[in-house]
């Protein structure tokens, strides 16, 4: 299983709890994991106490993501479809700032070239893909028109993503959205969750649904 990270911290990288919960449930069912992140500069660095952008600070997405992976991480450019049965992308603003520029450009977003190549190769090979929180903002561009996803019940954000050709389904925090045609599983996680326990229910379901659809 490949897990794609986008930094370390909800406001400028991967949502830490979403990553930890994902890795925990994968470990509990005995799935071997390799984490990846792009070797690029973060869009910006955020003070997680105040929410302010620290203009004087610059950080690298791969280096920051290594904190979450305890150093066991590779450059996203090294990810090869043939080596993995499935892939999961946790959320956090890093998915909308570092893996893509959805946070700035909305429906006109562009996506990191290494991520786009890897995900589209996985999709072409009919290998399941999981995405949570705001990460599904990328699925219309990555997987094509008609792909079904959820980011919860945020109408404004859903409409912006639907402009890319994707189709949104409202979903509670403890539920998942499954697009069987595209083998895409999504869940709102911290788009709706008020605490770790709430986020964990949907994330566990996503992990199990992704693993269930791995070809034997």
N, C-alpha and C. Protein backbone atom coordinates (compact mmCIF):
# COMPACT_ATOMS: atom_id res chain seq x y z
N UNK A 1 0.84 -1.19 0.00
CA UNK A 1 0.00 0.00 0.00
C UNK A 1 0.88 1.24 0.00
N UNK A 2 0.58 2.15 -0.90
CA UNK A 2 1.26 3.45 -0.90
C UNK A 2 0.38 4.45 -0.16
N UNK A 3 1.00 5.27 0.68
CA UNK A 3 0.31 6.36 1.37
C UNK A 3 1.02 7.65 1.00
N UNK A 4 0.26 8.59 0.45
CA UNK A 4 0.84 9.83 -0.07
C UNK A 4 0.66 10.95 0.94
N UNK A 5 1.77 11.53 1.39
CA UNK A 5 1.74 12.61 2.36
C UNK A 5 2.06 13.95 1.70
N UNK A 6 1.71 15.04 2.42
CA UNK A 6 1.86 16.37 1.82
C UNK A 6 2.44 17.39 2.78
N UNK A 7 3.23 16.89 3.76
CA UNK A 7 3.79 17.76 4.77
C UNK A 7 3.36 17.27 6.14
N UNK A 8 3.48 18.12 7.14
CA UNK A 8 3.18 17.71 8.52
C UNK A 8 2.46 18.83 9.26
N UNK A 9 1.14 18.74 9.31
CA UNK A 9 0.35 19.76 9.99
C UNK A 9 -0.87 20.14 9.17
N UNK A 10 -2.02 20.22 9.82
CA UNK A 10 -3.28 20.37 9.10
C UNK A 10 -3.33 21.60 8.20
N UNK A 11 -2.73 22.72 8.61
CA UNK A 11 -2.89 23.96 7.87
C UNK A 11 -1.92 24.14 6.71
N UNK A 12 -0.84 23.35 6.68
CA UNK A 12 0.11 23.50 5.57
C UNK A 12 0.66 22.17 5.09
N UNK A 13 0.12 21.06 5.58
CA UNK A 13 0.61 19.74 5.19
C UNK A 13 -0.45 18.68 5.37
N UNK A 14 -0.05 17.46 5.66
CA UNK A 14 -1.01 16.39 5.93
C UNK A 14 -1.64 16.59 7.31
N UNK A 15 -2.90 16.22 7.43
CA UNK A 15 -3.59 16.24 8.72
C UNK A 15 -3.02 15.09 9.55
N UNK A 16 -2.36 15.41 10.64
CA UNK A 16 -1.58 14.41 11.38
C UNK A 16 -2.45 13.27 11.89
N UNK A 17 -3.59 13.56 12.48
CA UNK A 17 -4.44 12.50 13.01
C UNK A 17 -4.94 11.59 11.89
N UNK A 18 -5.28 12.15 10.75
CA UNK A 18 -5.74 11.32 9.63
C UNK A 18 -4.64 10.36 9.18
N UNK A 19 -3.42 10.84 9.13
CA UNK A 19 -2.30 9.98 8.73
C UNK A 19 -2.09 8.87 9.76
N UNK A 20 -2.04 9.23 11.03
CA UNK A 20 -1.77 8.26 12.09
C UNK A 20 -2.88 7.21 12.14
N UNK A 21 -4.12 7.63 12.05
CA UNK A 21 -5.25 6.68 12.09
C UNK A 21 -5.19 5.75 10.89
N UNK A 22 -4.89 6.30 9.73
CA UNK A 22 -4.75 5.47 8.52
C UNK A 22 -3.67 4.43 8.69
N UNK A 23 -2.49 4.86 9.12
CA UNK A 23 -1.37 3.94 9.29
C UNK A 23 -1.66 2.91 10.38
N UNK A 24 -2.37 3.32 11.42
CA UNK A 24 -2.72 2.39 12.50
C UNK A 24 -3.61 1.26 11.99
N UNK A 25 -4.66 1.62 11.26
CA UNK A 25 -5.58 0.58 10.78
C UNK A 25 -4.94 -0.31 9.73
N UNK A 26 -4.08 0.25 8.91
CA UNK A 26 -3.35 -0.59 7.96
C UNK A 26 -2.43 -1.56 8.69
N UNK A 27 -1.78 -1.08 9.73
CA UNK A 27 -0.88 -1.94 10.50
C UNK A 27 -1.67 -3.04 11.22
N UNK A 28 -2.84 -2.70 11.73
CA UNK A 28 -3.63 -3.67 12.48
C UNK A 28 -4.08 -4.85 11.62
N UNK A 29 -4.26 -4.61 10.32
CA UNK A 29 -4.68 -5.71 9.44
C UNK A 29 -3.50 -6.28 8.64
N UNK A 30 -2.30 -5.86 9.01
CA UNK A 30 -1.11 -6.48 8.45
C UNK A 30 -0.73 -6.04 7.05
N UNK A 31 -1.10 -4.83 6.67
CA UNK A 31 -0.77 -4.32 5.34
C UNK A 31 0.58 -3.62 5.36
N UNK A 32 1.45 -4.01 4.46
CA UNK A 32 2.76 -3.37 4.34
C UNK A 32 2.60 -2.02 3.65
N UNK A 33 3.19 -0.99 4.23
CA UNK A 33 2.99 0.39 3.77
C UNK A 33 4.31 1.03 3.37
N UNK A 34 4.27 1.83 2.30
CA UNK A 34 5.38 2.72 1.97
C UNK A 34 4.81 4.12 1.81
N UNK A 35 5.34 5.06 2.58
CA UNK A 35 4.91 6.45 2.47
C UNK A 35 5.74 7.18 1.41
N UNK A 36 5.10 8.11 0.74
CA UNK A 36 5.74 8.95 -0.27
C UNK A 36 5.32 10.40 -0.06
N UNK A 37 6.16 11.32 -0.52
CA UNK A 37 5.82 12.74 -0.57
C UNK A 37 6.68 13.40 -1.64
N UNK A 38 6.18 14.46 -2.25
CA UNK A 38 6.99 15.14 -3.26
C UNK A 38 8.13 15.94 -2.63
N UNK A 39 9.27 15.94 -3.30
CA UNK A 39 10.44 16.68 -2.85
C UNK A 39 10.36 18.09 -3.41
N UNK A 40 9.49 18.89 -2.80
CA UNK A 40 9.23 20.26 -3.25
C UNK A 40 9.09 21.17 -2.04
N UNK A 41 9.15 22.47 -2.28
CA UNK A 41 8.90 23.43 -1.20
C UNK A 41 7.41 23.50 -0.90
N UNK A 42 7.08 23.68 0.39
CA UNK A 42 5.68 23.90 0.75
C UNK A 42 5.20 25.22 0.14
N UNK A 43 3.89 25.29 -0.11
CA UNK A 43 3.33 26.55 -0.60
C UNK A 43 3.62 27.67 0.40
N UNK A 44 3.40 27.38 1.68
CA UNK A 44 3.79 28.30 2.75
C UNK A 44 3.82 27.55 4.07
N UNK A 45 4.33 28.18 5.09
CA UNK A 45 4.43 27.60 6.43
C UNK A 45 3.48 28.35 7.35
N UNK A 46 2.68 27.59 8.11
CA UNK A 46 1.67 28.20 8.97
C UNK A 46 2.00 27.97 10.44
N UNK A 47 1.87 29.01 11.23
CA UNK A 47 1.95 28.89 12.69
C UNK A 47 0.66 28.23 13.15
N UNK A 48 0.75 27.01 13.66
CA UNK A 48 -0.46 26.27 14.01
C UNK A 48 -1.10 26.73 15.31
N UNK A 49 -0.48 27.68 15.99
CA UNK A 49 -1.12 28.29 17.17
C UNK A 49 -2.00 29.45 16.75
N UNK A 50 -1.46 30.32 15.89
CA UNK A 50 -2.19 31.53 15.50
C UNK A 50 -2.91 31.40 14.17
N UNK A 51 -2.46 30.47 13.33
CA UNK A 51 -3.01 30.36 11.99
C UNK A 51 -2.36 31.30 10.99
N UNK A 52 -1.37 32.06 11.44
CA UNK A 52 -0.70 33.02 10.57
C UNK A 52 0.34 32.34 9.69
N UNK A 53 0.51 32.87 8.48
CA UNK A 53 1.57 32.40 7.59
C UNK A 53 2.89 33.01 8.04
N UNK A 54 3.91 32.17 8.17
CA UNK A 54 5.24 32.64 8.56
C UNK A 54 6.04 32.89 7.28
N UNK A 55 6.07 34.13 6.85
CA UNK A 55 6.67 34.46 5.56
C UNK A 55 8.18 34.24 5.54
N UNK A 56 8.81 34.26 6.70
CA UNK A 56 10.27 34.12 6.76
C UNK A 56 10.72 32.66 6.77
N UNK A 57 9.77 31.72 6.84
CA UNK A 57 10.11 30.30 6.96
C UNK A 57 9.82 29.56 5.66
N UNK A 58 10.71 28.66 5.31
CA UNK A 58 10.51 27.80 4.14
C UNK A 58 10.76 26.36 4.56
N UNK A 59 9.89 25.44 4.12
CA UNK A 59 10.05 24.03 4.48
C UNK A 59 9.81 23.15 3.26
N UNK A 60 10.38 21.95 3.31
CA UNK A 60 10.28 21.00 2.23
C UNK A 60 9.23 19.96 2.55
N UNK A 61 8.37 19.64 1.60
CA UNK A 61 7.26 18.72 1.83
C UNK A 61 7.75 17.32 2.20
N UNK A 62 8.76 16.83 1.50
CA UNK A 62 9.28 15.49 1.80
C UNK A 62 9.92 15.45 3.18
N UNK A 63 10.70 16.46 3.52
CA UNK A 63 11.36 16.51 4.82
C UNK A 63 10.35 16.58 5.95
N UNK A 64 9.33 17.41 5.78
CA UNK A 64 8.30 17.53 6.81
C UNK A 64 7.47 16.25 6.93
N UNK A 65 7.16 15.63 5.81
CA UNK A 65 6.38 14.39 5.82
C UNK A 65 7.13 13.26 6.51
N UNK A 66 8.45 13.30 6.43
CA UNK A 66 9.28 12.28 7.08
C UNK A 66 9.05 12.23 8.59
N UNK A 67 8.60 13.34 9.18
CA UNK A 67 8.28 13.35 10.60
C UNK A 67 7.16 12.36 10.90
N UNK A 68 6.17 12.31 10.02
CA UNK A 68 5.02 11.42 10.22
C UNK A 68 5.37 9.96 9.94
N UNK A 69 6.31 9.75 9.04
CA UNK A 69 6.68 8.39 8.64
C UNK A 69 7.88 7.87 9.43
N UNK A 70 8.31 8.60 10.44
CA UNK A 70 9.48 8.23 11.25
C UNK A 70 10.69 7.98 10.36
N UNK A 71 10.78 8.78 9.29
CA UNK A 71 11.92 8.71 8.39
C UNK A 71 11.80 7.69 7.28
N UNK A 72 10.83 6.79 7.38
CA UNK A 72 10.66 5.74 6.36
C UNK A 72 9.76 6.27 5.25
N UNK A 73 10.34 7.04 4.36
CA UNK A 73 9.57 7.70 3.31
C UNK A 73 10.45 7.86 2.07
N UNK A 74 9.81 7.91 0.92
CA UNK A 74 10.52 8.07 -0.34
C UNK A 74 9.95 9.24 -1.13
N UNK A 75 10.78 9.73 -2.04
CA UNK A 75 10.35 10.78 -2.97
C UNK A 75 9.21 10.24 -3.83
N UNK A 76 8.15 11.01 -3.98
CA UNK A 76 6.99 10.59 -4.76
C UNK A 76 7.37 10.23 -6.19
N UNK A 77 8.43 10.81 -6.69
CA UNK A 77 8.87 10.50 -8.06
C UNK A 77 9.31 9.05 -8.20
N UNK A 78 9.58 8.38 -7.08
CA UNK A 78 10.01 6.98 -7.10
C UNK A 78 8.84 5.99 -7.05
N UNK A 79 7.64 6.47 -6.83
CA UNK A 79 6.47 5.57 -6.72
C UNK A 79 6.13 4.97 -8.08
N UNK A 80 6.06 3.64 -8.13
CA UNK A 80 5.75 2.93 -9.36
C UNK A 80 4.51 2.06 -9.17
N UNK A 81 3.59 2.16 -10.09
CA UNK A 81 2.34 1.43 -10.02
C UNK A 81 2.55 -0.06 -9.81
N UNK A 82 3.52 -0.64 -10.46
CA UNK A 82 3.74 -2.08 -10.43
C UNK A 82 4.07 -2.58 -9.02
N UNK A 83 4.55 -1.68 -8.15
CA UNK A 83 4.99 -2.08 -6.81
C UNK A 83 3.87 -2.07 -5.77
N UNK A 84 2.68 -1.58 -6.13
CA UNK A 84 1.63 -1.38 -5.12
C UNK A 84 0.28 -1.91 -5.58
N UNK A 85 -0.49 -2.36 -4.58
CA UNK A 85 -1.84 -2.88 -4.84
C UNK A 85 -2.90 -1.80 -4.70
N UNK A 86 -2.58 -0.73 -3.96
CA UNK A 86 -3.56 0.32 -3.69
C UNK A 86 -2.83 1.56 -3.18
N UNK A 87 -3.58 2.66 -3.07
CA UNK A 87 -2.99 3.91 -2.59
C UNK A 87 -4.03 4.68 -1.79
N UNK A 88 -3.58 5.34 -0.73
CA UNK A 88 -4.46 6.19 0.08
C UNK A 88 -3.81 7.57 0.23
N UNK A 89 -4.63 8.61 0.10
CA UNK A 89 -4.16 9.99 0.27
C UNK A 89 -4.91 10.63 1.43
N UNK A 90 -4.27 10.80 2.59
CA UNK A 90 -4.90 11.54 3.69
C UNK A 90 -5.08 13.01 3.30
N UNK A 91 -5.89 13.70 4.11
CA UNK A 91 -6.17 15.10 3.82
C UNK A 91 -5.25 16.06 4.56
N UNK A 92 -5.81 17.18 4.94
CA UNK A 92 -5.03 18.30 5.42
C UNK A 92 -4.84 19.28 4.27
N UNK A 93 -4.60 20.54 4.60
CA UNK A 93 -4.48 21.56 3.55
C UNK A 93 -3.31 21.31 2.61
N UNK A 94 -2.36 20.45 3.02
CA UNK A 94 -1.26 20.12 2.12
C UNK A 94 -1.73 19.50 0.82
N UNK A 95 -2.85 18.77 0.87
CA UNK A 95 -3.40 18.17 -0.35
C UNK A 95 -3.88 19.25 -1.31
N UNK A 96 -4.30 20.38 -0.75
CA UNK A 96 -4.83 21.48 -1.56
C UNK A 96 -3.81 22.59 -1.77
N UNK A 97 -2.63 22.44 -1.17
CA UNK A 97 -1.60 23.47 -1.30
C UNK A 97 -0.30 22.94 -1.88
N UNK A 98 0.03 21.68 -1.57
CA UNK A 98 1.30 21.11 -1.99
C UNK A 98 1.15 20.03 -3.05
N UNK A 99 0.17 19.13 -2.86
CA UNK A 99 -0.10 18.12 -3.89
C UNK A 99 -0.83 18.73 -5.07
N UNK A 100 -1.58 19.79 -4.80
CA UNK A 100 -2.28 20.54 -5.85
C UNK A 100 -2.30 21.99 -5.42
N UNK A 101 -2.94 22.84 -6.23
CA UNK A 101 -3.11 24.24 -5.84
C UNK A 101 -4.60 24.59 -5.75
N UNK A 102 -5.40 23.59 -5.36
CA UNK A 102 -6.85 23.80 -5.21
C UNK A 102 -7.15 24.94 -4.25
N UNK A 103 -6.36 25.10 -3.20
CA UNK A 103 -6.61 26.15 -2.21
C UNK A 103 -6.54 27.55 -2.82
N UNK A 104 -5.79 27.68 -3.91
CA UNK A 104 -5.62 28.98 -4.56
C UNK A 104 -6.48 29.11 -5.82
N UNK A 105 -6.53 28.05 -6.61
CA UNK A 105 -7.17 28.12 -7.92
C UNK A 105 -8.52 27.44 -8.01
N UNK A 106 -8.95 26.75 -6.97
CA UNK A 106 -10.25 26.09 -7.01
C UNK A 106 -10.36 25.11 -8.16
N UNK A 107 -11.42 25.19 -8.93
CA UNK A 107 -11.67 24.25 -10.01
C UNK A 107 -10.67 24.32 -11.15
N UNK A 108 -9.85 25.37 -11.17
CA UNK A 108 -8.80 25.49 -12.18
C UNK A 108 -7.47 24.90 -11.69
N UNK A 109 -7.56 24.05 -10.70
CA UNK A 109 -6.36 23.51 -10.06
C UNK A 109 -5.46 22.74 -11.01
N UNK A 110 -4.18 22.75 -10.68
CA UNK A 110 -3.21 21.85 -11.30
C UNK A 110 -2.70 20.92 -10.21
N UNK A 111 -2.13 19.78 -10.61
CA UNK A 111 -1.73 18.75 -9.66
C UNK A 111 -0.26 18.42 -9.86
N UNK A 112 0.43 18.16 -8.77
CA UNK A 112 1.83 17.75 -8.83
C UNK A 112 2.01 16.66 -9.87
N UNK A 113 2.97 16.80 -10.75
CA UNK A 113 3.10 15.90 -11.89
C UNK A 113 3.39 14.46 -11.47
N UNK A 114 4.17 14.28 -10.41
CA UNK A 114 4.48 12.92 -9.96
C UNK A 114 3.25 12.25 -9.36
N UNK A 115 2.48 13.00 -8.62
CA UNK A 115 1.23 12.44 -8.07
C UNK A 115 0.27 12.08 -9.19
N UNK A 116 0.12 12.99 -10.14
CA UNK A 116 -0.80 12.76 -11.25
C UNK A 116 -0.41 11.50 -12.03
N UNK A 117 0.86 11.35 -12.32
CA UNK A 117 1.34 10.19 -13.06
C UNK A 117 1.06 8.90 -12.29
N UNK A 118 1.40 8.88 -11.00
CA UNK A 118 1.25 7.68 -10.19
C UNK A 118 -0.22 7.30 -10.03
N UNK A 119 -1.06 8.26 -9.68
CA UNK A 119 -2.48 7.96 -9.46
C UNK A 119 -3.16 7.52 -10.75
N UNK A 120 -2.84 8.17 -11.86
CA UNK A 120 -3.48 7.78 -13.12
C UNK A 120 -3.02 6.41 -13.59
N UNK A 121 -1.78 6.04 -13.29
CA UNK A 121 -1.31 4.70 -13.61
C UNK A 121 -2.01 3.67 -12.73
N UNK A 122 -2.21 3.97 -11.46
CA UNK A 122 -2.93 3.08 -10.55
C UNK A 122 -4.37 2.91 -11.03
N UNK A 123 -4.98 4.00 -11.43
CA UNK A 123 -6.36 3.96 -11.90
C UNK A 123 -6.49 3.13 -13.18
N UNK A 124 -5.57 3.33 -14.10
CA UNK A 124 -5.58 2.57 -15.35
C UNK A 124 -5.42 1.08 -15.10
N UNK A 125 -4.65 0.74 -14.08
CA UNK A 125 -4.42 -0.67 -13.72
C UNK A 125 -5.54 -1.24 -12.86
N UNK A 126 -6.57 -0.42 -12.61
CA UNK A 126 -7.74 -0.84 -11.81
C UNK A 126 -7.33 -1.24 -10.39
N UNK A 127 -6.51 -0.39 -9.79
CA UNK A 127 -6.12 -0.59 -8.40
C UNK A 127 -6.83 0.46 -7.54
N UNK A 128 -7.36 0.05 -6.39
CA UNK A 128 -8.19 0.96 -5.59
C UNK A 128 -7.44 2.16 -5.03
N UNK A 129 -8.18 3.26 -4.92
CA UNK A 129 -7.64 4.53 -4.46
C UNK A 129 -8.52 5.06 -3.35
N UNK A 130 -7.92 5.45 -2.24
CA UNK A 130 -8.65 6.07 -1.14
C UNK A 130 -8.20 7.51 -0.98
N UNK A 131 -9.14 8.39 -0.67
CA UNK A 131 -8.81 9.80 -0.42
C UNK A 131 -9.76 10.35 0.63
N UNK A 132 -9.24 11.16 1.53
CA UNK A 132 -10.08 11.64 2.62
C UNK A 132 -9.94 13.14 2.82
N UNK A 133 -10.90 13.70 3.56
CA UNK A 133 -10.89 15.12 3.89
C UNK A 133 -10.95 15.94 2.60
N UNK A 134 -10.00 16.84 2.36
CA UNK A 134 -10.01 17.67 1.17
C UNK A 134 -9.26 17.04 0.00
N UNK A 135 -8.57 15.92 0.21
CA UNK A 135 -7.84 15.27 -0.88
C UNK A 135 -8.72 14.92 -2.08
N UNK A 136 -10.01 14.57 -1.88
CA UNK A 136 -10.85 14.28 -3.05
C UNK A 136 -11.07 15.48 -3.98
N UNK A 137 -10.62 16.66 -3.60
CA UNK A 137 -10.72 17.81 -4.50
C UNK A 137 -10.00 17.56 -5.81
N UNK A 138 -9.06 16.62 -5.81
CA UNK A 138 -8.25 16.36 -6.99
C UNK A 138 -8.82 15.30 -7.91
N UNK A 139 -9.87 14.57 -7.50
CA UNK A 139 -10.25 13.36 -8.23
C UNK A 139 -10.82 13.63 -9.62
N UNK A 140 -11.47 14.77 -9.82
CA UNK A 140 -12.01 15.07 -11.14
C UNK A 140 -10.91 15.21 -12.17
N UNK A 141 -9.82 15.86 -11.78
CA UNK A 141 -8.68 16.03 -12.68
C UNK A 141 -7.91 14.72 -12.81
N UNK A 142 -7.77 14.00 -11.71
CA UNK A 142 -6.98 12.77 -11.72
C UNK A 142 -7.66 11.62 -12.44
N UNK A 143 -8.97 11.46 -12.21
CA UNK A 143 -9.66 10.25 -12.68
C UNK A 143 -10.67 10.51 -13.79
N UNK A 144 -11.00 11.75 -14.04
CA UNK A 144 -11.88 12.04 -15.17
C UNK A 144 -13.32 12.35 -14.79
N UNK A 145 -14.06 12.85 -15.75
CA UNK A 145 -15.45 13.25 -15.52
C UNK A 145 -16.30 12.06 -15.10
N UNK A 146 -17.24 12.34 -14.20
CA UNK A 146 -18.17 11.32 -13.76
C UNK A 146 -17.73 10.57 -12.52
N UNK A 147 -16.50 10.79 -12.06
CA UNK A 147 -16.03 10.11 -10.85
C UNK A 147 -16.84 10.63 -9.66
N UNK A 148 -17.22 9.73 -8.76
CA UNK A 148 -18.08 10.06 -7.63
C UNK A 148 -17.24 10.14 -6.36
N UNK A 149 -17.47 11.18 -5.56
CA UNK A 149 -16.65 11.43 -4.38
C UNK A 149 -17.47 12.11 -3.29
N UNK A 150 -16.88 12.24 -2.11
CA UNK A 150 -17.46 13.05 -1.05
C UNK A 150 -16.39 13.86 -0.34
N UNK A 151 -16.76 15.05 0.10
CA UNK A 151 -15.95 15.79 1.06
C UNK A 151 -16.83 16.15 2.26
N UNK A 152 -17.98 15.47 2.37
CA UNK A 152 -18.90 15.71 3.48
C UNK A 152 -20.16 16.39 3.02
N UNK A 153 -20.42 17.62 3.52
CA UNK A 153 -21.64 18.34 3.13
C UNK A 153 -21.40 19.83 2.89
N UNK A 154 -20.16 20.20 2.61
CA UNK A 154 -19.80 21.59 2.33
C UNK A 154 -20.20 21.90 0.89
N UNK A 155 -21.34 22.57 0.74
CA UNK A 155 -21.90 22.80 -0.60
C UNK A 155 -20.98 23.64 -1.48
N UNK A 156 -20.39 24.67 -0.93
CA UNK A 156 -19.54 25.56 -1.72
C UNK A 156 -18.32 24.83 -2.25
N UNK A 157 -17.64 24.10 -1.37
CA UNK A 157 -16.46 23.36 -1.80
C UNK A 157 -16.83 22.26 -2.79
N UNK A 158 -17.95 21.58 -2.53
CA UNK A 158 -18.40 20.51 -3.43
C UNK A 158 -18.69 21.06 -4.82
N UNK A 159 -19.34 22.23 -4.89
CA UNK A 159 -19.65 22.82 -6.20
C UNK A 159 -18.38 23.16 -6.96
N UNK A 160 -17.39 23.67 -6.26
CA UNK A 160 -16.12 24.00 -6.91
C UNK A 160 -15.46 22.76 -7.49
N UNK A 161 -15.47 21.66 -6.74
CA UNK A 161 -14.87 20.42 -7.22
C UNK A 161 -15.68 19.85 -8.37
N UNK A 162 -17.00 19.97 -8.31
CA UNK A 162 -17.86 19.43 -9.37
C UNK A 162 -17.61 20.12 -10.71
N UNK A 163 -17.06 21.33 -10.67
CA UNK A 163 -16.73 22.03 -11.91
C UNK A 163 -15.62 21.31 -12.68
N UNK A 164 -14.90 20.42 -12.01
CA UNK A 164 -13.86 19.63 -12.69
C UNK A 164 -14.45 18.39 -13.36
N UNK A 165 -15.75 18.16 -13.18
CA UNK A 165 -16.41 17.01 -13.79
C UNK A 165 -16.74 15.90 -12.83
N UNK A 166 -16.30 16.03 -11.58
CA UNK A 166 -16.60 15.02 -10.56
C UNK A 166 -18.02 15.22 -10.03
N UNK A 167 -18.57 14.18 -9.42
CA UNK A 167 -19.93 14.21 -8.89
C UNK A 167 -19.88 14.01 -7.38
N UNK A 168 -20.43 14.96 -6.64
CA UNK A 168 -20.38 14.90 -5.18
C UNK A 168 -21.59 14.20 -4.59
N UNK A 169 -21.32 13.42 -3.53
CA UNK A 169 -22.39 12.83 -2.72
C UNK A 169 -22.20 13.27 -1.28
N UNK A 170 -23.26 13.81 -0.67
CA UNK A 170 -23.18 14.15 0.74
C UNK A 170 -22.92 12.89 1.56
N UNK A 171 -22.17 13.04 2.63
CA UNK A 171 -21.76 11.88 3.41
C UNK A 171 -21.52 12.31 4.85
N UNK A 172 -21.98 11.52 5.80
CA UNK A 172 -21.71 11.79 7.20
C UNK A 172 -20.28 11.44 7.55
N UNK A 173 -19.80 11.95 8.67
CA UNK A 173 -18.42 11.75 9.08
C UNK A 173 -18.08 10.27 9.29
N UNK A 174 -19.06 9.47 9.66
CA UNK A 174 -18.82 8.05 9.93
C UNK A 174 -19.12 7.15 8.75
N UNK A 175 -19.23 7.74 7.56
CA UNK A 175 -19.57 6.99 6.37
C UNK A 175 -18.50 7.15 5.30
N UNK A 176 -18.58 6.30 4.27
CA UNK A 176 -17.69 6.40 3.13
C UNK A 176 -18.52 6.47 1.85
N UNK A 177 -17.93 7.01 0.82
CA UNK A 177 -18.53 7.05 -0.51
C UNK A 177 -17.71 6.13 -1.41
N UNK A 178 -18.39 5.20 -2.06
CA UNK A 178 -17.68 4.23 -2.91
C UNK A 178 -18.11 4.40 -4.37
N UNK A 179 -17.16 4.67 -5.22
CA UNK A 179 -17.37 4.69 -6.67
C UNK A 179 -16.78 3.39 -7.20
N UNK A 180 -17.63 2.40 -7.38
CA UNK A 180 -17.14 1.07 -7.79
C UNK A 180 -16.52 1.09 -9.17
N UNK A 181 -17.06 1.89 -10.06
CA UNK A 181 -16.53 1.95 -11.42
C UNK A 181 -15.08 2.40 -11.43
N UNK A 182 -14.77 3.39 -10.62
CA UNK A 182 -13.42 3.95 -10.60
C UNK A 182 -12.58 3.43 -9.45
N UNK A 183 -13.15 2.52 -8.64
CA UNK A 183 -12.46 1.97 -7.47
C UNK A 183 -11.92 3.08 -6.58
N UNK A 184 -12.76 4.11 -6.37
CA UNK A 184 -12.41 5.24 -5.52
C UNK A 184 -13.25 5.21 -4.25
N UNK A 185 -12.60 5.29 -3.10
CA UNK A 185 -13.29 5.35 -1.82
C UNK A 185 -12.89 6.64 -1.14
N UNK A 186 -13.88 7.42 -0.71
CA UNK A 186 -13.61 8.70 -0.05
C UNK A 186 -14.41 8.81 1.25
N UNK A 187 -13.93 9.63 2.16
CA UNK A 187 -14.63 9.87 3.43
C UNK A 187 -14.32 11.29 3.90
N UNK A 188 -15.24 11.95 4.61
CA UNK A 188 -15.03 13.34 5.00
C UNK A 188 -13.92 13.57 6.02
N UNK A 189 -13.73 12.60 6.95
CA UNK A 189 -12.72 12.77 8.01
C UNK A 189 -12.86 14.16 8.64
N UNK A 190 -11.75 14.92 8.69
CA UNK A 190 -11.81 16.19 9.41
C UNK A 190 -12.47 17.33 8.65
N UNK A 191 -13.07 17.05 7.51
CA UNK A 191 -13.98 18.03 6.93
C UNK A 191 -15.22 18.16 7.81
N UNK A 192 -15.52 17.10 8.56
CA UNK A 192 -16.68 17.09 9.45
C UNK A 192 -16.37 16.72 10.89
N UNK A 193 -15.32 15.95 11.10
CA UNK A 193 -15.04 15.40 12.42
C UNK A 193 -14.75 16.48 13.46
N UNK A 194 -15.28 16.27 14.66
CA UNK A 194 -15.00 17.15 15.78
C UNK A 194 -13.90 16.61 16.69
N UNK A 195 -13.55 15.34 16.49
CA UNK A 195 -12.52 14.73 17.31
C UNK A 195 -11.97 13.51 16.60
N UNK A 196 -10.94 12.91 17.18
CA UNK A 196 -10.27 11.76 16.57
C UNK A 196 -11.20 10.56 16.44
N UNK A 197 -12.02 10.35 17.45
CA UNK A 197 -12.91 9.19 17.44
C UNK A 197 -13.89 9.26 16.28
N UNK A 198 -14.42 10.44 16.02
CA UNK A 198 -15.33 10.59 14.88
C UNK A 198 -14.62 10.34 13.57
N UNK A 199 -13.44 10.93 13.41
CA UNK A 199 -12.69 10.75 12.17
C UNK A 199 -12.31 9.30 11.96
N UNK A 200 -12.00 8.60 13.06
CA UNK A 200 -11.49 7.23 12.96
C UNK A 200 -12.52 6.26 12.39
N UNK A 201 -13.79 6.49 12.63
CA UNK A 201 -14.83 5.56 12.15
C UNK A 201 -14.82 5.51 10.63
N UNK A 202 -14.88 6.67 10.00
CA UNK A 202 -14.89 6.72 8.54
C UNK A 202 -13.57 6.28 7.94
N UNK A 203 -12.46 6.64 8.59
CA UNK A 203 -11.15 6.26 8.07
C UNK A 203 -10.97 4.75 8.11
N UNK A 204 -11.40 4.12 9.19
CA UNK A 204 -11.30 2.66 9.27
C UNK A 204 -12.12 2.01 8.14
N UNK A 205 -13.32 2.52 7.92
CA UNK A 205 -14.16 1.97 6.85
C UNK A 205 -13.48 2.15 5.49
N UNK A 206 -12.85 3.32 5.29
CA UNK A 206 -12.14 3.56 4.03
C UNK A 206 -11.00 2.57 3.85
N UNK A 207 -10.19 2.41 4.89
CA UNK A 207 -9.06 1.47 4.82
C UNK A 207 -9.54 0.07 4.48
N UNK A 208 -10.58 -0.40 5.15
CA UNK A 208 -11.09 -1.75 4.91
C UNK A 208 -11.68 -1.88 3.51
N UNK A 209 -12.38 -0.82 3.04
CA UNK A 209 -12.98 -0.86 1.71
C UNK A 209 -11.92 -0.87 0.62
N UNK A 210 -10.85 -0.10 0.82
CA UNK A 210 -9.75 -0.10 -0.15
C UNK A 210 -9.11 -1.48 -0.20
N UNK A 211 -8.83 -2.05 0.97
CA UNK A 211 -8.15 -3.35 1.01
C UNK A 211 -9.04 -4.46 0.45
N UNK A 212 -10.34 -4.36 0.66
CA UNK A 212 -11.28 -5.36 0.17
C UNK A 212 -11.26 -5.43 -1.36
N UNK A 213 -10.93 -4.30 -2.00
CA UNK A 213 -10.98 -4.24 -3.46
C UNK A 213 -9.64 -4.49 -4.12
N UNK A 214 -8.65 -4.87 -3.34
CA UNK A 214 -7.37 -5.23 -3.90
C UNK A 214 -7.51 -6.59 -4.60
N UNK A 215 -6.98 -6.66 -5.81
CA UNK A 215 -7.04 -7.90 -6.57
C UNK A 215 -6.20 -8.98 -5.88
N UNK A 216 -6.75 -10.18 -5.79
CA UNK A 216 -6.01 -11.27 -5.13
C UNK A 216 -5.07 -11.93 -6.14
